[in-house]
Amino acid sequence: MSDPRGASVLRDDVRLLLSELKAHYIKKIDILQSLHQKDIHNRYLLKTGNMDELLDAVIEGQSMLDEIDGIDFEIAQVTRRIGDIAGMDTSALEHFLSHSDEPEVMECLTLKTTYLARLQVILADRNEIFLDMEKAAALLLKDADELKKIRSINLKKNEKPPLS
């Protein structure tokens, strides 16, 4: 993708689109980092039993994932525009770019790989947190059921027998 003298052969419009892709991947990585920090705090909330705040934090984390979905849409649009310029569909373009030695392309691919690796770790962590939340909720329900039984027994003890 470079000429023999080492000069880039990318068109300026493609270079600008690659720059846009780079910015999108950086934004996604930043959001994941924030999400990771929230998940560390979520573990603390789970250990301390602060379920109300934990639920709010989980909802906020979901909105961060929704923001990533919006960025994914933007990435798809930019990728489609690059494909239109190159005269390739998305899969052919991705194959073509994966063999590029252009620094801009290589940087985008590195950012994408970094993002995907971090996403896998964060999704595994979040799954573990959700499983722990389910266990805590089940324990809470069991405790509530036990308290209900105790209360029922106490009420029966305090009932006065009917007068005959």
C-alpha atoms as a PDB file:
ATOM      1  CA  MET A   1       0.000   0.000   0.000  1.00  0.00           C
ATOM      2  CA  SER A   2       3.058   2.205   0.094  1.00  0.00           C
ATOM      3  CA  ASP A   3       5.016   3.067  -2.995  1.00  0.00           C
ATOM      4  CA  PRO A   4       8.616   1.761  -3.280  1.00  0.00           C
ATOM      5  CA  ARG A   5       9.983   5.059  -1.927  1.00  0.00           C
ATOM      6  CA  GLY A   6       8.007   4.578   1.314  1.00  0.00           C
ATOM      7  CA  ALA A   7       5.468   7.298   0.571  1.00  0.00           C
ATOM      8  CA  SER A   8       1.842   6.660   1.424  1.00  0.00           C
ATOM      9  CA  VAL A   9      -0.524   5.996  -1.445  1.00  0.00           C
ATOM     10  CA  LEU A  10      -3.688   6.599   0.575  1.00  0.00           C
ATOM     11  CA  ARG A  11      -6.045   9.188  -0.777  1.00  0.00           C
ATOM     12  CA  ASP A  12      -6.611  12.172   1.472  1.00  0.00           C
ATOM     13  CA  ASP A  13     -10.309  11.353   1.887  1.00  0.00           C
ATOM     14  CA  VAL A  14      -9.464   7.800   2.964  1.00  0.00           C
ATOM     15  CA  ARG A  15      -6.808   9.121   5.334  1.00  0.00           C
ATOM     16  CA  LEU A  16      -9.427  11.434   6.916  1.00  0.00           C
ATOM     17  CA  LEU A  17     -11.877   8.554   7.259  1.00  0.00           C
ATOM     18  CA  LEU A  18      -9.184   6.410   8.885  1.00  0.00           C
ATOM     19  CA  SER A  19      -8.515   9.254  11.287  1.00  0.00           C
ATOM     20  CA  GLU A  20     -12.220   9.270  12.110  1.00  0.00           C
ATOM     21  CA  LEU A  21     -12.119   5.506  12.688  1.00  0.00           C
ATOM     22  CA  LYS A  22      -9.134   5.951  14.985  1.00  0.00           C
ATOM     23  CA  ALA A  23     -11.029   8.553  17.027  1.00  0.00           C
ATOM     24  CA  HIS A  24     -14.019   6.200  17.328  1.00  0.00           C
ATOM     25  CA  TYR A  25     -11.866   3.310  18.566  1.00  0.00           C
ATOM     26  CA  ILE A  26     -10.095   5.567  21.062  1.00  0.00           C
ATOM     27  CA  LYS A  27     -13.490   6.712  22.364  1.00  0.00           C
ATOM     28  CA  LYS A  28     -14.644   3.097  22.707  1.00  0.00           C
ATOM     29  CA  ILE A  29     -11.470   2.178  24.615  1.00  0.00           C
ATOM     30  CA  ASP A  30     -11.962   5.186  26.917  1.00  0.00           C
ATOM     31  CA  ILE A  31     -15.543   4.136  27.639  1.00  0.00           C
ATOM     32  CA  LEU A  32     -14.396   0.589  28.375  1.00  0.00           C
ATOM     33  CA  GLN A  33     -11.796   1.932  30.791  1.00  0.00           C
ATOM     34  CA  SER A  34     -14.495   3.921  32.588  1.00  0.00           C
ATOM     35  CA  LEU A  35     -16.725   0.865  32.640  1.00  0.00           C
ATOM     36  CA  HIS A  36     -13.897  -1.195  34.113  1.00  0.00           C
ATOM     37  CA  GLN A  37     -13.439   1.366  36.892  1.00  0.00           C
ATOM     38  CA  LYS A  38     -17.179   1.257  37.591  1.00  0.00           C
ATOM     39  CA  ASP A  39     -17.065  -2.528  37.752  1.00  0.00           C
ATOM     40  CA  ILE A  40     -14.286  -2.373  40.354  1.00  0.00           C
ATOM     41  CA  HIS A  41     -16.566  -0.124  42.413  1.00  0.00           C
ATOM     42  CA  ASN A  42     -19.486  -2.457  41.708  1.00  0.00           C
ATOM     43  CA  ARG A  43     -17.573  -5.339  43.285  1.00  0.00           C
ATOM     44  CA  TYR A  44     -17.113  -3.216  46.391  1.00  0.00           C
ATOM     45  CA  LEU A  45     -20.828  -2.393  46.459  1.00  0.00           C
ATOM     46  CA  LEU A  46     -21.668  -6.064  46.099  1.00  0.00           C
ATOM     47  CA  LYS A  47     -19.350  -7.039  48.967  1.00  0.00           C
ATOM     48  CA  THR A  48     -20.813  -4.352  51.215  1.00  0.00           C
ATOM     49  CA  GLY A  49     -24.367  -5.332  50.297  1.00  0.00           C
ATOM     50  CA  ASN A  50     -25.304  -1.917  48.936  1.00  0.00           C
ATOM     51  CA  MET A  51     -27.709  -3.371  46.390  1.00  0.00           C
ATOM     52  CA  ASP A  52     -29.610  -0.158  45.615  1.00  0.00           C
ATOM     53  CA  GLU A  53     -26.463   1.709  44.617  1.00  0.00           C
ATOM     54  CA  LEU A  54     -25.205  -1.379  42.796  1.00  0.00           C
ATOM     55  CA  LEU A  55     -28.385  -1.568  40.737  1.00  0.00           C
ATOM     56  CA  ASP A  56     -28.024   2.114  39.784  1.00  0.00           C
ATOM     57  CA  ALA A  57     -24.376   1.537  38.832  1.00  0.00           C
ATOM     58  CA  VAL A  58     -25.277  -1.472  36.685  1.00  0.00           C
ATOM     59  CA  ILE A  59     -27.890   0.582  34.842  1.00  0.00           C
ATOM     60  CA  GLU A  60     -25.318   3.323  34.277  1.00  0.00           C
ATOM     61  CA  GLY A  61     -22.882   0.703  32.974  1.00  0.00           C
ATOM     62  CA  GLN A  62     -25.516  -0.484  30.533  1.00  0.00           C
ATOM     63  CA  SER A  63     -25.927   3.053  29.218  1.00  0.00           C
ATOM     64  CA  MET A  64     -22.162   3.126  28.626  1.00  0.00           C
ATOM     65  CA  LEU A  65     -22.465  -0.074  26.599  1.00  0.00           C
ATOM     66  CA  ASP A  66     -25.331   1.530  24.680  1.00  0.00           C
ATOM     67  CA  GLU A  67     -23.017   4.453  23.900  1.00  0.00           C
ATOM     68  CA  ILE A  68     -20.508   1.967  22.483  1.00  0.00           C
ATOM     69  CA  ASP A  69     -23.283   0.537  20.302  1.00  0.00           C
ATOM     70  CA  GLY A  70     -23.828   4.035  18.893  1.00  0.00           C
ATOM     71  CA  ILE A  71     -20.125   4.350  18.135  1.00  0.00           C
ATOM     72  CA  ASP A  72     -20.241   0.942  16.433  1.00  0.00           C
ATOM     73  CA  PHE A  73     -22.904   2.339  14.130  1.00  0.00           C
ATOM     74  CA  GLU A  74     -20.613   5.277  13.294  1.00  0.00           C
ATOM     75  CA  ILE A  75     -17.714   2.883  12.648  1.00  0.00           C
ATOM     76  CA  ALA A  76     -19.891   0.857  10.272  1.00  0.00           C
ATOM     77  CA  GLN A  77     -20.813   4.043   8.392  1.00  0.00           C
ATOM     78  CA  VAL A  78     -17.173   5.133   8.059  1.00  0.00           C
ATOM     79  CA  THR A  79     -16.107   1.649   7.004  1.00  0.00           C
ATOM     80  CA  ARG A  80     -18.862   1.575   4.391  1.00  0.00           C
ATOM     81  CA  ARG A  81     -17.690   4.939   3.032  1.00  0.00           C
ATOM     82  CA  ILE A  82     -14.115   3.678   2.762  1.00  0.00           C
ATOM     83  CA  GLY A  83     -15.426   0.568   1.023  1.00  0.00           C
ATOM     84  CA  ASP A  84     -17.422   2.727  -1.402  1.00  0.00           C
ATOM     85  CA  ILE A  85     -14.295   4.709  -2.238  1.00  0.00           C
ATOM     86  CA  ALA A  86     -12.253   1.515  -2.694  1.00  0.00           C
ATOM     87  CA  GLY A  87     -15.043  -0.234  -4.602  1.00  0.00           C
ATOM     88  CA  MET A  88     -15.204  -3.118  -2.101  1.00  0.00           C
ATOM     89  CA  ASP A  89     -17.794  -4.559   0.216  1.00  0.00           C
ATOM     90  CA  THR A  90     -17.047  -4.512   3.944  1.00  0.00           C
ATOM     91  CA  SER A  91     -15.624  -8.024   4.231  1.00  0.00           C
ATOM     92  CA  ALA A  92     -13.359  -7.578   1.202  1.00  0.00           C
ATOM     93  CA  LEU A  93     -12.250  -4.210   2.557  1.00  0.00           C
ATOM     94  CA  GLU A  94     -11.420  -5.654   5.986  1.00  0.00           C
ATOM     95  CA  HIS A  95      -9.381  -8.429   4.355  1.00  0.00           C
ATOM     96  CA  PHE A  96      -7.600  -5.886   2.165  1.00  0.00           C
ATOM     97  CA  LEU A  97      -6.860  -3.561   5.099  1.00  0.00           C
ATOM     98  CA  SER A  98      -5.610  -6.419   7.284  1.00  0.00           C
ATOM     99  CA  HIS A  99      -2.728  -6.811   4.810  1.00  0.00           C
ATOM    100  CA  SER A 100      -1.941  -3.107   4.583  1.00  0.00           C
ATOM    101  CA  ASP A 101       1.353  -1.647   5.724  1.00  0.00           C
ATOM    102  CA  GLU A 102       0.006   1.893   5.843  1.00  0.00           C
ATOM    103  CA  PRO A 103       0.651   3.380   9.303  1.00  0.00           C
ATOM    104  CA  GLU A 104      -2.870   4.824   9.546  1.00  0.00           C
ATOM    105  CA  VAL A 105      -4.440   1.464   8.727  1.00  0.00           C
ATOM    106  CA  MET A 106      -2.116  -0.414  11.070  1.00  0.00           C
ATOM    107  CA  GLU A 107      -2.932   1.999  13.879  1.00  0.00           C
ATOM    108  CA  CYS A 108      -6.684   1.508  13.383  1.00  0.00           C
ATOM    109  CA  LEU A 109      -6.267  -2.264  13.348  1.00  0.00           C
ATOM    110  CA  THR A 110      -4.173  -2.136  16.528  1.00  0.00           C
ATOM    111  CA  LEU A 111      -6.815  -0.003  18.260  1.00  0.00           C
ATOM    112  CA  LYS A 112      -9.546  -2.389  17.135  1.00  0.00           C
ATOM    113  CA  THR A 113      -7.585  -5.382  18.462  1.00  0.00           C
ATOM    114  CA  THR A 114      -6.930  -3.581  21.753  1.00  0.00           C
ATOM    115  CA  TYR A 115     -10.602  -2.728  22.088  1.00  0.00           C
ATOM    116  CA  LEU A 116     -11.739  -6.298  21.388  1.00  0.00           C
ATOM    117  CA  ALA A 117      -9.265  -7.762  23.894  1.00  0.00           C
ATOM    118  CA  ARG A 118     -10.369  -5.346  26.626  1.00  0.00           C
ATOM    119  CA  LEU A 119     -14.015  -5.946  25.797  1.00  0.00           C
ATOM    120  CA  GLN A 120     -13.616  -9.700  26.326  1.00  0.00           C
ATOM    121  CA  VAL A 121     -12.066  -9.145  29.769  1.00  0.00           C
ATOM    122  CA  ILE A 122     -14.720  -6.634  30.803  1.00  0.00           C
ATOM    123  CA  LEU A 123     -17.599  -8.798  29.600  1.00  0.00           C
ATOM    124  CA  ALA A 124     -16.213 -11.748  31.566  1.00  0.00           C
ATOM    125  CA  ASP A 125     -15.877  -9.536  34.675  1.00  0.00           C
ATOM    126  CA  ARG A 126     -19.402  -8.185  34.251  1.00  0.00           C
ATOM    127  CA  ASN A 127     -20.776 -11.707  33.844  1.00  0.00           C
ATOM    128  CA  GLU A 128     -19.060 -12.689  37.099  1.00  0.00           C
ATOM    129  CA  ILE A 129     -20.532  -9.648  38.848  1.00  0.00           C
ATOM    130  CA  PHE A 130     -24.022 -10.511  37.561  1.00  0.00           C
ATOM    131  CA  LEU A 131     -23.660 -14.102  38.781  1.00  0.00           C
ATOM    132  CA  ASP A 132     -22.593 -12.808  42.206  1.00  0.00           C
ATOM    133  CA  MET A 133     -25.556 -10.413  42.195  1.00  0.00           C
ATOM    134  CA  GLU A 134     -27.909 -13.303  41.445  1.00  0.00           C
ATOM    135  CA  LYS A 135     -26.412 -15.282  44.342  1.00  0.00           C
ATOM    136  CA  ALA A 136     -26.797 -12.300  46.682  1.00  0.00           C
ATOM    137  CA  ALA A 137     -30.392 -11.774  45.546  1.00  0.00           C
ATOM    138  CA  ALA A 138     -31.201 -15.466  46.089  1.00  0.00           C
ATOM    139  CA  LEU A 139     -29.684 -15.311  49.574  1.00  0.00           C
ATOM    140  CA  LEU A 140     -31.669 -12.174  50.338  1.00  0.00           C
ATOM    141  CA  LEU A 141     -34.897 -13.875  49.226  1.00  0.00           C
ATOM    142  CA  LYS A 142     -34.074 -16.906  51.360  1.00  0.00           C
ATOM    143  CA  ASP A 143     -33.439 -14.654  54.380  1.00  0.00           C
ATOM    144  CA  ALA A 144     -36.695 -12.792  53.755  1.00  0.00           C
ATOM    145  CA  ASP A 145     -38.571 -16.088  53.559  1.00  0.00           C
ATOM    146  CA  GLU A 146     -37.022 -17.226  56.851  1.00  0.00           C
ATOM    147  CA  LEU A 147     -38.003 -13.944  58.519  1.00  0.00           C
ATOM    148  CA  LYS A 148     -41.539 -14.357  57.229  1.00  0.00           C
ATOM    149  CA  LYS A 149     -41.738 -17.836  58.745  1.00  0.00           C
ATOM    150  CA  ILE A 150     -40.398 -16.593  62.087  1.00  0.00           C
ATOM    151  CA  ARG A 151     -42.907 -13.753  62.103  1.00  0.00           C
ATOM    152  CA  SER A 152     -45.718 -16.179  61.337  1.00  0.00           C
ATOM    153  CA  ILE A 153     -44.649 -18.415  64.241  1.00  0.00           C
ATOM    154  CA  ASN A 154     -44.446 -15.432  66.599  1.00  0.00           C
ATOM    155  CA  LEU A 155     -47.902 -14.258  65.583  1.00  0.00           C
ATOM    156  CA  LYS A 156     -49.323 -17.716  66.282  1.00  0.00           C
ATOM    157  CA  LYS A 157     -47.684 -17.774  69.713  1.00  0.00           C
ATOM    158  CA  ASN A 158     -49.197 -14.420  70.598  1.00  0.00           C
ATOM    159  CA  GLU A 159     -52.699 -15.361  69.522  1.00  0.00           C
ATOM    160  CA  LYS A 160     -55.085 -15.871  72.380  1.00  0.00           C
ATOM    161  CA  PRO A 161     -57.031 -19.070  72.258  1.00  0.00           C
ATOM    162  CA  PRO A 162     -60.706 -18.567  71.551  1.00  0.00           C
ATOM    163  CA  LEU A 163     -62.924 -18.483  74.623  1.00  0.00           C
ATOM    164  CA  SER A 164     -65.093 -21.513  74.894  1.00  0.00           C
END
